Amino acid sequence: MIEPHAPAPPGTAPTCPASSWRGPARLPVRPGTGRFLVLAGVFVCAACGLVYELELVALASYLIGDSVTQASVVLSVMVFAMGIGSLAAKRLRRRAAVAFGAIEATLALVGGCSAMALYAVFAWTGDWGGLWANGPRCLLVAFSLAIGLLIGAEVPLLMELIQRIRRQDAGGAVADLFAADYVGALVGGLAFPFLLLPLLGQLTGALLTGAINVVAGGTLVLGLFRRDLTRRGRWLLLVANLAVLGLLASAAALVGDFERAARYAVYGGDVRVAEQTGVQELVLTGGTRGRPLDLFLDGRLRVGGQDERRYHEALVHPAMTGPHARVLILGGGDGLAAREVLRHPGVRRVDIVELDPAVVRLARTDPGLARLNGHVYGDRRLHVTVADAFGWLRGASAGAYDVVIEDLPDPGITASTKLYAQEFYGLARRALAPGGRLVVHAGPVASRPRAFWTVEATVRAAGLRTVAYRVRGGDSAFAAGPDRTTGATRAPRDWGFVLASRTPPVLALDPRAPHPRTLTPASLAAAVRAAATTRVPGLPPSTLIAPRYAD
């Protein structure tokens, strides 16, 4: 029979069974300094761990789309794995110092290289469609699982190390450890969007985080707990840490070449501009020596040189039939919608509200894009505001515009969902003058008919009458929806539009304007019939609180 332990005298730390207590650690510093160093290590490791999580979420959202789904998958898998890692680490507590050092070296390598590995698989396989069983998506889950297991294993080992310095009650030790952990997570969570991502980018930021992680873990173990390791153990851990640092440094030195090779694999060899703005990744290909110009925003084809006129004429010209002296374009910083607007006589003012100033700058200064948009930014009737369209519309004057053109990303992209909500269309309706017209780019029809007709139902819910139409484009090597692939899409590429006004709108072309190259009254009538064949009835409207665009 095991006799119970006698209660500890007041003012002393509780005892514990000999099986889990090895006595005070032999430290090269005073116990107070040692506790501070351990908590500092907890702080740094927690910051690095959260950066890894955010890096996976950001990269998955960019590569796959639908940021809500990707964040849910990454974070839920990671939190589950942290619990498993904590349980598994119980077996390592007797060798807490060497186990912690090994785990930090592994975490630094896996977390630091995760972004580069995911981007490489995406660029050279392009297989991000289909079910979750597909390889690249499984790789995302695998990284989430591995990083979560390693982060979860940190806590029991750090608890053991901090108790080795000075034994204290479990509640006090947990409070100290979690305080340092949560503050570190706060710093990591703020450093990722405001420091690492804008200054270093996703790949270099992850590699630098891994380097900080391995230095912090190795310094803590080899500096503070080196006497707990054998001579051979110290050398092995030192070599492992130096090897991880060498690999991360080598990868950082090759990031530029790697990104160029990956862009070549994704976009082809004619990339002229590639930059990460404060809003999105911007890539421009072609536009010289007779090659068609393509503009990609966050990897999605927004301007296709071979089809852009078909898209922009279908977007603009039906809405311009009627009064059109004052025109508002939401999005459209590339100037191509404005080009079509300014072809119509009687236009006195065009306001463009664009979120990303880099797109406007490129449309002004890039020879290929400026030539394609007809150098519209030199027209005095054109005025540009850099702002979020939703916030800008809230301050717009009632009845200020005859035509409102929404040239925005597809509704299936989570960041764009609020721009396809009933509240947003209500603001657009308020900005319309009596007899004014609203036209909405509502995404592809063939591949996402439910999302397209949800847009139409949402516009109607805002108090407008609608007519939907569908215009076909050519086959493209890039999907028209929020998902991107490098293989040709099976369905023909198309665009869906919704024309709306307070009275039933008439889909027609202005006889006073120059004839569009790709539209005729007959083709518009066919476009209405083509959309009608895909109708999904009875769909509820999408709102800010209840978005409806996930397929």
Protein backbone atom coordinates (compact mmCIF):
# COMPACT_ATOMS: atom_id res chain seq x y z
CA MET A 1 0.00 0.00 0.00
CA ILE A 2 1.34 3.44 -0.91
CA GLU A 3 1.19 5.80 2.01
CA PRO A 4 0.11 9.39 1.33
CA HIS A 5 2.74 12.10 1.48
CA ALA A 6 2.79 14.27 4.56
CA PRO A 7 1.54 17.80 3.93
CA ALA A 8 4.24 20.32 3.23
CA PRO A 9 5.00 22.85 5.98
CA PRO A 10 3.57 26.33 5.43
CA GLY A 11 5.73 28.51 3.20
CA THR A 12 7.50 25.62 1.45
CA ALA A 13 6.98 24.21 -2.03
CA PRO A 14 5.02 20.97 -2.28
CA THR A 15 6.99 17.83 -2.81
CA CYS A 16 6.52 15.44 -5.69
CA PRO A 17 7.28 11.81 -6.31
CA ALA A 18 10.90 11.04 -7.09
CA SER A 19 9.92 9.63 -10.47
CA SER A 20 9.18 13.13 -11.80
CA TRP A 21 11.55 15.26 -9.75
CA ARG A 22 15.26 15.21 -10.38
CA GLY A 23 16.26 17.98 -8.01
CA PRO A 24 17.34 21.55 -8.75
CA ALA A 25 19.10 22.15 -12.03
CA ARG A 26 22.79 23.07 -11.94
CA LEU A 27 22.66 26.49 -13.50
CA PRO A 28 25.47 28.88 -14.47
CA VAL A 29 23.35 31.80 -13.19
CA ARG A 30 21.25 32.59 -10.14
CA PRO A 31 17.79 30.94 -9.98
CA GLY A 32 15.97 34.26 -10.46
CA THR A 33 17.97 34.98 -13.60
CA GLY A 34 17.40 31.44 -14.78
CA ARG A 35 13.61 31.75 -14.42
CA PHE A 36 13.69 35.01 -16.34
CA LEU A 37 15.66 33.40 -19.17
CA VAL A 38 13.26 30.46 -19.39
CA LEU A 39 10.27 32.80 -19.52
CA ALA A 40 12.04 34.87 -22.18
CA GLY A 41 12.52 31.66 -24.17
CA VAL A 42 8.80 30.90 -23.77
CA PHE A 43 8.03 34.40 -25.06
CA VAL A 44 10.18 34.02 -28.18
CA CYS A 45 9.01 30.49 -28.98
CA ALA A 46 5.36 31.50 -28.60
CA ALA A 47 5.85 34.43 -30.97
CA CYS A 48 7.49 32.15 -33.54
CA GLY A 49 4.74 29.54 -33.19
CA LEU A 50 2.00 32.05 -33.91
CA VAL A 51 3.88 33.40 -36.93
CA TYR A 52 4.00 29.85 -38.34
CA GLU A 53 0.22 29.55 -37.89
CA LEU A 54 -0.50 32.89 -39.53
CA GLU A 55 1.93 32.12 -42.34
CA LEU A 56 0.09 28.92 -43.20
CA VAL A 57 -3.28 30.67 -43.07
CA ALA A 58 -2.11 33.54 -45.29
CA LEU A 59 -0.40 31.32 -47.83
CA ALA A 60 -3.29 28.86 -47.99
CA SER A 61 -5.77 31.70 -48.47
CA TYR A 62 -3.66 33.13 -51.29
CA LEU A 63 -3.02 29.83 -53.05
CA ILE A 64 -6.40 28.16 -52.53
CA GLY A 65 -8.83 31.01 -51.85
CA ASP A 66 -11.69 31.18 -49.30
CA SER A 67 -9.71 32.46 -46.33
CA VAL A 68 -12.38 31.48 -43.80
CA THR A 69 -12.16 27.80 -44.76
CA GLN A 70 -8.37 27.79 -44.85
CA ALA A 71 -8.08 29.53 -41.47
CA SER A 72 -10.56 27.09 -39.95
CA VAL A 73 -8.73 24.05 -41.31
CA VAL A 74 -5.24 25.24 -40.34
CA LEU A 75 -6.13 26.45 -36.86
CA SER A 76 -8.40 23.54 -35.92
CA VAL A 77 -5.87 20.94 -37.06
CA MET A 78 -3.09 22.82 -35.30
CA VAL A 79 -4.96 23.15 -31.98
CA PHE A 80 -5.89 19.45 -32.10
CA ALA A 81 -2.27 18.54 -32.76
CA MET A 82 -1.10 20.73 -29.87
CA GLY A 83 -3.16 18.61 -27.51
CA ILE A 84 -1.65 15.42 -28.89
CA GLY A 85 1.83 16.92 -28.67
CA SER A 86 1.34 17.85 -25.02
CA LEU A 87 0.31 14.31 -24.18
CA ALA A 88 3.22 12.81 -26.10
CA ALA A 89 5.73 15.12 -24.38
CA LYS A 90 4.90 13.65 -20.96
CA ARG A 91 7.21 10.75 -21.78
CA LEU A 92 10.09 13.17 -22.42
CA ARG A 93 9.99 15.06 -19.14
CA ARG A 94 12.90 13.17 -17.57
CA ARG A 95 15.09 14.46 -20.42
CA ALA A 96 13.32 17.80 -20.71
CA ALA A 97 16.36 19.89 -21.70
CA VAL A 98 17.62 17.78 -24.58
CA ALA A 99 14.04 17.03 -25.73
CA PHE A 100 13.17 20.72 -25.78
CA GLY A 101 16.31 21.55 -27.76
CA ALA A 102 15.56 18.85 -30.33
CA ILE A 103 11.93 19.92 -30.64
CA GLU A 104 12.86 23.59 -31.20
CA ALA A 105 15.39 22.68 -33.89
CA THR A 106 12.79 20.51 -35.65
CA LEU A 107 10.08 23.16 -35.30
CA ALA A 108 12.37 25.84 -36.71
CA LEU A 109 13.16 23.70 -39.74
CA VAL A 110 9.57 22.60 -40.40
CA GLY A 111 7.95 25.97 -39.70
CA GLY A 112 10.63 28.02 -41.42
CA CYS A 113 10.51 25.98 -44.62
CA SER A 114 6.74 25.40 -44.67
CA ALA A 115 5.89 28.43 -46.81
CA MET A 116 8.55 27.66 -49.41
CA ALA A 117 7.52 24.00 -49.59
CA LEU A 118 3.83 24.82 -50.02
CA TYR A 119 4.52 27.41 -52.70
CA ALA A 120 6.84 25.00 -54.53
CA VAL A 121 4.19 22.28 -54.62
CA PHE A 122 1.62 24.78 -55.84
CA ALA A 123 3.87 26.23 -58.54
CA TRP A 124 5.12 22.96 -59.96
CA THR A 125 2.01 20.82 -59.62
CA GLY A 126 -0.85 23.34 -59.76
CA ASP A 127 -3.13 20.69 -58.30
CA TRP A 128 -5.19 22.75 -55.87
CA GLY A 129 -8.60 21.85 -57.13
CA GLY A 130 -10.85 18.98 -56.22
CA LEU A 131 -11.12 17.19 -52.93
CA TRP A 132 -9.04 17.53 -49.80
CA ALA A 133 -7.42 14.24 -50.66
CA ASN A 134 -5.31 15.97 -53.29
CA GLY A 135 -1.61 16.15 -52.57
CA PRO A 136 -1.02 19.88 -52.02
CA ARG A 137 -4.01 20.25 -49.72
CA CYS A 138 -2.83 17.23 -47.76
CA LEU A 139 0.57 18.90 -47.48
CA LEU A 140 -1.09 21.94 -45.91
CA VAL A 141 -2.81 19.72 -43.35
CA ALA A 142 0.43 17.82 -42.76
CA PHE A 143 2.34 21.01 -41.99
CA SER A 144 -0.45 22.20 -39.68
CA LEU A 145 -0.38 18.86 -37.90
CA ALA A 146 3.42 18.72 -37.56
CA ILE A 147 3.77 22.30 -36.35
CA GLY A 148 0.90 21.83 -33.90
CA LEU A 149 2.46 18.65 -32.47
CA LEU A 150 5.79 20.40 -31.92
CA ILE A 151 4.26 23.53 -30.39
CA GLY A 152 2.12 21.40 -28.08
CA ALA A 153 5.15 19.46 -26.89
CA GLU A 154 6.86 22.68 -25.75
CA VAL A 155 4.56 23.39 -22.79
CA PRO A 156 5.13 20.28 -20.61
CA LEU A 157 8.88 20.44 -21.22
CA LEU A 158 9.09 24.14 -20.37
CA MET A 159 7.02 23.51 -17.25
CA GLU A 160 9.50 20.85 -16.21
CA LEU A 161 12.46 23.15 -16.86
CA ILE A 162 11.02 26.09 -14.98
CA GLN A 163 10.22 23.84 -12.01
CA ARG A 164 13.77 22.50 -12.07
CA ILE A 165 15.07 25.99 -11.37
CA ARG A 166 12.89 26.69 -8.36
CA ARG A 167 10.07 24.45 -7.24
CA GLN A 168 6.76 26.28 -6.81
CA ASP A 169 3.08 25.46 -6.67
CA ALA A 170 1.65 24.27 -9.95
CA GLY A 171 -0.82 27.17 -10.25
CA GLY A 172 1.92 29.78 -9.95
CA ALA A 173 4.15 28.02 -12.47
CA VAL A 174 1.29 27.67 -14.97
CA ALA A 175 0.39 31.35 -14.56
CA ASP A 176 3.98 32.48 -15.20
CA LEU A 177 4.41 30.19 -18.17
CA PHE A 178 1.11 31.08 -19.84
CA ALA A 179 1.60 34.80 -19.26
CA ALA A 180 4.90 34.71 -21.15
CA ASP A 181 3.33 32.45 -23.80
CA TYR A 182 0.32 34.70 -24.44
CA VAL A 183 2.36 37.91 -24.52
CA GLY A 184 4.73 36.26 -27.00
CA ALA A 185 1.75 35.21 -29.13
CA LEU A 186 0.54 38.81 -29.11
CA VAL A 187 3.91 40.08 -30.33
CA GLY A 188 4.12 37.39 -33.02
CA GLY A 189 0.56 38.07 -34.15
CA LEU A 190 1.28 41.77 -34.56
CA ALA A 191 4.74 41.32 -36.07
CA PHE A 192 3.46 39.11 -38.92
CA PRO A 193 1.10 41.56 -40.69
CA PHE A 194 2.86 44.79 -39.74
CA LEU A 195 6.53 43.85 -39.97
CA LEU A 196 7.40 40.48 -41.48
CA LEU A 197 4.89 40.35 -44.33
CA PRO A 198 5.30 43.90 -45.71
CA LEU A 199 9.07 44.13 -45.22
CA LEU A 200 10.25 40.58 -45.95
CA GLY A 201 7.41 38.77 -47.68
CA GLN A 202 5.95 35.39 -46.83
CA LEU A 203 8.94 33.19 -47.69
CA THR A 204 11.77 35.22 -46.15
CA GLY A 205 9.60 36.08 -43.14
CA ALA A 206 9.01 32.40 -42.39
CA LEU A 207 12.70 31.56 -42.80
CA LEU A 208 13.75 34.39 -40.47
CA THR A 209 11.21 33.23 -37.90
CA GLY A 210 12.71 29.75 -38.05
CA ALA A 211 16.20 31.17 -37.50
CA ILE A 212 15.04 33.12 -34.44
CA ASN A 213 13.29 30.01 -33.15
CA VAL A 214 16.34 27.74 -33.38
CA VAL A 215 18.65 30.37 -31.87
CA ALA A 216 16.29 30.93 -28.93
CA GLY A 217 15.81 27.22 -28.26
CA GLY A 218 19.46 26.31 -28.68
CA THR A 219 20.70 29.20 -26.54
CA LEU A 220 18.31 28.34 -23.73
CA VAL A 221 19.32 24.67 -23.59
CA LEU A 222 23.03 24.92 -24.38
CA GLY A 223 23.51 28.04 -22.29
CA LEU A 224 21.30 27.50 -19.26
CA PHE A 225 20.83 23.72 -19.02
CA ARG A 226 24.05 22.49 -20.63
CA ARG A 227 25.00 20.58 -17.47
CA ASP A 228 21.91 18.40 -17.90
CA LEU A 229 23.32 17.11 -21.19
CA THR A 230 26.19 14.76 -21.74
CA ARG A 231 29.17 16.02 -23.67
CA ARG A 232 28.04 14.01 -26.68
CA GLY A 233 24.51 15.35 -26.32
CA ARG A 234 25.73 18.95 -26.27
CA TRP A 235 27.76 18.43 -29.44
CA LEU A 236 24.90 16.69 -31.24
CA LEU A 237 22.47 19.46 -30.34
CA LEU A 238 24.95 22.14 -31.36
CA VAL A 239 25.58 20.47 -34.72
CA ALA A 240 21.83 20.04 -35.29
CA ASN A 241 21.16 23.71 -34.54
CA LEU A 242 23.97 24.85 -36.82
CA ALA A 243 22.70 22.57 -39.58
CA VAL A 244 19.18 24.00 -39.29
CA LEU A 245 20.56 27.53 -39.32
CA GLY A 246 22.63 26.70 -42.38
CA LEU A 247 19.65 25.27 -44.23
CA LEU A 248 17.47 28.27 -43.39
CA ALA A 249 20.21 30.72 -44.39
CA SER A 250 20.78 28.87 -47.67
CA ALA A 251 17.06 28.92 -48.42
CA ALA A 252 16.92 32.65 -47.63
CA ALA A 253 19.81 33.31 -50.01
CA LEU A 254 17.95 31.44 -52.77
CA VAL A 255 14.52 33.01 -52.19
CA GLY A 256 14.89 35.42 -55.11
CA ASP A 257 15.85 32.70 -57.58
CA PHE A 258 13.17 30.42 -56.17
CA GLU A 259 10.43 33.04 -56.59
CA ARG A 260 11.48 33.77 -60.16
CA ALA A 261 11.46 30.06 -61.03
CA ALA A 262 8.08 29.57 -59.34
CA ARG A 263 6.58 32.55 -61.18
CA TYR A 264 7.90 31.13 -64.44
CA ALA A 265 6.21 27.82 -63.64
CA VAL A 266 2.91 29.52 -62.78
CA TYR A 267 2.71 32.48 -65.15
CA GLY A 268 5.13 31.56 -67.93
CA GLY A 269 8.36 33.25 -68.90
CA ASP A 270 7.01 36.69 -69.77
CA VAL A 271 6.64 38.21 -66.28
CA ARG A 272 7.46 41.93 -66.50
CA VAL A 273 6.22 43.18 -63.11
CA ALA A 274 5.93 41.22 -59.87
CA GLU A 275 5.46 42.95 -56.54
CA GLN A 276 3.80 42.39 -53.19
CA THR A 277 1.82 45.54 -52.43
CA GLY A 278 0.27 46.35 -49.10
CA VAL A 279 -2.96 44.82 -50.41
CA GLN A 280 -2.09 41.91 -52.71
CA GLU A 281 0.46 40.30 -55.01
CA LEU A 282 0.52 42.03 -58.39
CA VAL A 283 1.94 40.29 -61.48
CA LEU A 284 1.92 41.68 -65.01
CA THR A 285 2.88 39.55 -68.00
CA GLY A 286 3.10 40.30 -71.73
CA GLY A 287 2.04 43.61 -73.23
CA THR A 288 5.16 43.99 -75.38
CA ARG A 289 6.16 42.86 -78.87
CA GLY A 290 2.59 41.90 -79.72
CA ARG A 291 2.12 39.57 -76.74
CA PRO A 292 -1.24 39.81 -74.95
CA LEU A 293 -1.12 41.57 -71.58
CA ASP A 294 -2.33 39.72 -68.49
CA LEU A 295 -2.71 41.24 -65.03
CA PHE A 296 -2.91 38.90 -62.03
CA LEU A 297 -3.97 40.05 -58.57
CA ASP A 298 -3.22 37.53 -55.82
CA GLY A 299 -2.71 34.94 -58.54
CA ARG A 300 -6.13 35.45 -60.12
CA LEU A 301 -6.45 36.68 -63.68
CA ARG A 302 -8.08 40.11 -63.52
CA VAL A 303 -7.13 41.41 -66.98
CA GLY A 304 -6.71 38.96 -69.84
CA GLY A 305 -5.32 40.65 -72.91
CA GLN A 306 -7.08 38.25 -75.25
CA ASP A 307 -10.49 38.68 -73.62
CA GLU A 308 -10.41 41.93 -71.68
CA ARG A 309 -12.32 43.92 -74.29
CA ARG A 310 -15.12 41.35 -74.34
CA TYR A 311 -15.35 41.56 -70.54
CA HIS A 312 -15.18 45.35 -70.22
CA GLU A 313 -17.56 46.06 -73.07
CA ALA A 314 -20.12 43.68 -71.55
CA LEU A 315 -19.64 45.29 -68.14
CA VAL A 316 -19.90 48.94 -69.23
CA HIS A 317 -21.94 49.46 -72.40
CA PRO A 318 -25.36 48.10 -71.33
CA ALA A 319 -25.23 50.27 -68.18
CA MET A 320 -24.41 53.40 -70.20
CA THR A 321 -27.70 53.27 -72.15
CA GLY A 322 -29.50 56.24 -70.65
CA PRO A 323 -28.27 59.27 -68.67
CA HIS A 324 -24.56 58.88 -67.95
CA ALA A 325 -23.06 62.27 -67.20
CA ARG A 326 -21.75 61.16 -63.79
CA VAL A 327 -20.24 57.68 -63.51
CA LEU A 328 -18.80 55.86 -60.49
CA ILE A 329 -16.47 52.86 -60.97
CA LEU A 330 -15.84 50.76 -57.87
CA GLY A 331 -12.57 48.91 -58.43
CA GLY A 332 -11.29 49.16 -61.98
CA GLY A 333 -8.01 50.82 -61.07
CA ASP A 334 -6.50 49.35 -64.25
CA GLY A 335 -8.43 52.01 -66.20
CA LEU A 336 -10.01 49.59 -68.67
CA ALA A 337 -13.61 50.09 -67.55
CA ALA A 338 -12.98 53.84 -67.61
CA ARG A 339 -11.74 53.52 -71.19
CA GLU A 340 -15.12 52.15 -72.26
CA VAL A 341 -17.03 54.73 -70.21
CA LEU A 342 -15.17 57.63 -71.82
CA ARG A 343 -16.06 56.40 -75.30
CA HIS A 344 -19.63 57.58 -74.65
CA PRO A 345 -20.52 61.18 -75.49
CA GLY A 346 -21.92 63.29 -72.68
CA VAL A 347 -19.74 61.89 -69.84
CA ARG A 348 -18.74 64.81 -67.63
CA ARG A 349 -17.11 63.10 -64.65
CA VAL A 350 -15.83 59.58 -63.83
CA ASP A 351 -14.86 58.68 -60.26
CA ILE A 352 -12.77 55.56 -59.64
CA VAL A 353 -12.56 54.13 -56.12
CA GLU A 354 -9.65 51.66 -56.01
CA LEU A 355 -8.28 49.93 -52.92
CA ASP A 356 -4.71 49.34 -54.13
CA PRO A 357 -2.70 52.42 -55.19
CA ALA A 358 -0.14 50.15 -56.87
CA VAL A 359 -2.73 49.14 -59.47
CA VAL A 360 -3.41 52.80 -60.27
CA ARG A 361 0.30 53.56 -60.46
CA LEU A 362 0.84 50.65 -62.82
CA ALA A 363 -2.09 51.72 -65.01
CA ARG A 364 -0.58 55.21 -65.27
CA THR A 365 3.07 54.30 -65.86
CA ASP A 366 3.38 50.84 -67.40
CA PRO A 367 3.63 51.26 -71.20
CA GLY A 368 1.67 48.11 -72.01
CA LEU A 369 -1.18 48.67 -69.57
CA ALA A 370 -1.38 52.42 -70.26
CA ARG A 371 -1.59 51.69 -73.99
CA LEU A 372 -4.32 49.13 -73.38
CA ASN A 373 -6.43 51.52 -71.29
CA GLY A 374 -5.96 54.31 -73.83
CA HIS A 375 -4.02 56.51 -71.38
CA VAL A 376 -7.28 57.36 -69.64
CA TYR A 377 -5.51 58.74 -66.59
CA GLY A 378 -4.54 61.73 -68.69
CA ASP A 379 -8.24 62.63 -69.13
CA ARG A 380 -9.28 65.51 -66.84
CA ARG A 381 -12.74 64.02 -66.38
CA LEU A 382 -11.24 61.07 -64.51
CA HIS A 383 -10.75 61.31 -60.73
CA VAL A 384 -9.24 58.56 -58.56
CA THR A 385 -9.73 57.92 -54.85
CA VAL A 386 -7.72 55.24 -53.04
CA ALA A 387 -10.14 53.80 -50.52
CA ASP A 388 -12.18 50.77 -49.55
CA ALA A 389 -15.32 50.79 -51.69
CA PHE A 390 -17.66 49.92 -48.82
CA GLY A 391 -16.39 52.67 -46.54
CA TRP A 392 -16.30 55.19 -49.38
CA LEU A 393 -19.90 54.48 -50.40
CA ARG A 394 -21.09 55.12 -46.85
CA GLY A 395 -19.97 58.72 -47.23
CA ALA A 396 -21.15 59.21 -50.83
CA SER A 397 -23.89 61.74 -51.54
CA ALA A 398 -27.36 60.42 -52.27
CA GLY A 399 -28.31 60.51 -55.95
CA ALA A 400 -24.82 61.57 -57.01
CA TYR A 401 -24.34 59.19 -59.97
CA ASP A 402 -26.21 58.22 -63.10
CA VAL A 403 -24.25 54.97 -63.44
CA VAL A 404 -22.48 52.84 -60.82
CA ILE A 405 -20.15 50.14 -62.20
CA GLU A 406 -18.85 47.48 -59.82
CA ASP A 407 -15.68 46.06 -61.37
CA LEU A 408 -14.73 43.98 -58.33
CA PRO A 409 -13.18 40.55 -57.63
CA ASP A 410 -15.41 37.49 -57.67
CA PRO A 411 -17.84 37.05 -54.75
CA GLY A 412 -16.33 33.65 -53.93
CA ILE A 413 -13.18 35.35 -52.60
CA THR A 414 -13.76 35.88 -48.89
CA ALA A 415 -12.19 39.33 -48.82
CA SER A 416 -14.76 40.47 -51.40
CA THR A 417 -17.84 39.06 -49.70
CA LYS A 418 -18.85 42.33 -48.05
CA LEU A 419 -18.80 44.01 -51.49
CA TYR A 420 -21.52 41.59 -52.61
CA ALA A 421 -23.72 41.97 -49.54
CA GLN A 422 -27.22 43.41 -49.39
CA GLU A 423 -25.94 46.30 -47.28
CA PHE A 424 -23.41 47.23 -49.97
CA TYR A 425 -26.03 47.22 -52.70
CA GLY A 426 -28.22 49.36 -50.48
CA LEU A 427 -25.44 51.95 -50.35
CA ALA A 428 -25.02 51.75 -54.13
CA ARG A 429 -28.77 52.21 -54.59
CA ARG A 430 -28.67 55.35 -52.45
CA ALA A 431 -25.85 56.76 -54.61
CA LEU A 432 -27.91 56.33 -57.79
CA ALA A 433 -29.78 59.29 -59.26
CA PRO A 434 -33.42 58.78 -60.28
CA GLY A 435 -33.31 56.61 -63.38
CA GLY A 436 -29.74 55.57 -62.61
CA ARG A 437 -28.36 52.10 -63.29
CA LEU A 438 -26.09 49.74 -61.39
CA VAL A 439 -24.08 46.98 -63.07
CA VAL A 440 -22.33 44.25 -61.10
CA HIS A 441 -19.67 41.80 -62.17
CA ALA A 442 -21.04 38.68 -60.47
CA GLY A 443 -18.33 36.12 -61.22
CA PRO A 444 -18.34 33.08 -63.50
CA VAL A 445 -21.67 31.42 -64.23
CA ALA A 446 -20.80 27.99 -65.58
CA SER A 447 -18.58 26.96 -62.67
CA ARG A 448 -20.42 28.79 -59.86
CA PRO A 449 -24.08 29.29 -60.81
CA ARG A 450 -25.26 29.34 -57.20
CA ALA A 451 -22.93 32.22 -56.31
CA PHE A 452 -23.97 34.12 -59.46
CA TRP A 453 -27.68 33.86 -58.73
CA THR A 454 -27.08 34.70 -55.09
CA VAL A 455 -25.64 38.03 -56.30
CA GLU A 456 -28.78 38.60 -58.37
CA ALA A 457 -31.04 37.74 -55.41
CA THR A 458 -29.03 40.04 -53.15
CA VAL A 459 -29.31 42.99 -55.55
CA ARG A 460 -33.07 42.46 -55.71
CA ALA A 461 -33.24 42.33 -51.91
CA ALA A 462 -31.68 45.81 -51.84
CA GLY A 463 -34.77 47.17 -53.63
CA LEU A 464 -33.61 47.08 -57.26
CA ARG A 465 -35.05 45.38 -60.35
CA THR A 466 -32.59 43.22 -62.26
CA VAL A 467 -31.69 41.54 -65.53
CA ALA A 468 -28.90 38.96 -65.58
CA TYR A 469 -26.72 38.14 -68.55
CA ARG A 470 -23.78 35.86 -69.28
CA VAL A 471 -20.95 36.52 -71.74
CA ARG A 472 -18.60 33.80 -72.85
CA GLY A 473 -14.86 34.27 -73.12
CA GLY A 474 -12.12 32.11 -74.56
CA ASP A 475 -10.58 29.13 -72.83
CA SER A 476 -7.95 30.24 -70.33
CA ALA A 477 -5.05 28.59 -68.55
CA PHE A 478 -6.36 30.19 -65.35
CA ALA A 479 -9.67 29.55 -63.69
CA ALA A 480 -12.18 32.39 -63.76
CA GLY A 481 -13.31 31.77 -60.18
CA PRO A 482 -11.53 32.16 -56.85
CA ASP A 483 -9.55 28.95 -57.26
CA ARG A 484 -6.49 29.04 -59.46
CA THR A 485 -5.06 26.20 -61.52
CA THR A 486 -2.28 26.01 -64.04
CA GLY A 487 -4.10 23.56 -66.26
CA ALA A 488 -6.73 24.61 -68.77
CA THR A 489 -10.19 24.78 -67.26
CA ARG A 490 -12.67 22.22 -68.46
CA ALA A 491 -15.60 24.64 -68.63
CA PRO A 492 -15.47 27.58 -71.05
CA ARG A 493 -14.45 30.74 -69.29
CA ASP A 494 -17.35 33.14 -68.88
CA TRP A 495 -18.51 36.19 -66.94
CA GLY A 496 -21.84 36.88 -65.33
CA PHE A 497 -23.30 40.38 -64.93
CA VAL A 498 -26.36 41.85 -63.24
CA LEU A 499 -27.84 45.11 -64.51
CA ALA A 500 -30.15 46.81 -62.00
CA SER A 501 -32.22 49.94 -61.50
CA ARG A 502 -35.25 51.07 -59.52
CA THR A 503 -37.46 50.29 -62.52
CA PRO A 504 -37.16 47.18 -64.70
CA PRO A 505 -33.92 47.70 -66.67
CA VAL A 506 -33.71 47.30 -70.43
CA LEU A 507 -30.62 45.54 -71.74
CA ALA A 508 -29.62 47.51 -74.81
CA LEU A 509 -26.81 49.50 -76.39
CA ASP A 510 -26.66 53.27 -76.64
CA PRO A 511 -27.20 54.13 -80.35
CA ARG A 512 -25.31 57.42 -79.92
CA ALA A 513 -22.12 55.74 -78.69
CA PRO A 514 -19.46 54.08 -80.86
CA HIS A 515 -20.40 50.49 -81.55
CA PRO A 516 -18.66 47.95 -79.29
CA ARG A 517 -16.41 45.49 -81.05
CA THR A 518 -17.77 42.41 -79.30
CA LEU A 519 -21.41 43.25 -78.49
CA THR A 520 -24.53 43.54 -80.60
CA PRO A 521 -28.23 43.71 -79.64
CA ALA A 522 -28.55 40.11 -80.77
CA SER A 523 -25.61 38.92 -78.68
CA LEU A 524 -27.02 40.72 -75.62
CA ALA A 525 -30.35 38.96 -76.06
CA ALA A 526 -28.48 35.66 -76.32
CA ALA A 527 -26.52 36.56 -73.18
CA VAL A 528 -29.77 36.94 -71.23
CA ARG A 529 -31.01 33.56 -72.45
CA ALA A 530 -27.66 31.94 -71.62
CA ALA A 531 -27.85 33.19 -68.05
CA ALA A 532 -31.50 32.16 -67.66
CA THR A 533 -30.68 28.51 -68.42
CA THR A 534 -28.49 28.37 -65.30
CA ARG A 535 -30.96 30.00 -62.88
CA VAL A 536 -31.04 28.66 -59.33
CA PRO A 537 -34.36 29.81 -57.83
CA GLY A 538 -35.22 30.53 -54.22
CA LEU A 539 -31.81 31.67 -53.03
CA PRO A 540 -31.63 33.91 -49.95
CA PRO A 541 -29.72 37.20 -50.16
CA SER A 542 -26.20 37.50 -48.80
CA THR A 543 -25.65 39.93 -45.91
CA LEU A 544 -22.69 41.03 -43.82
CA ILE A 545 -23.85 38.79 -40.98
CA ALA A 546 -24.88 35.85 -43.16
CA PRO A 547 -22.65 35.59 -46.28
CA ARG A 548 -23.99 33.08 -48.81
CA TYR A 549 -21.26 32.67 -51.41
CA ALA A 550 -19.50 29.49 -50.26
CA ASP A 551 -20.27 26.64 -52.67
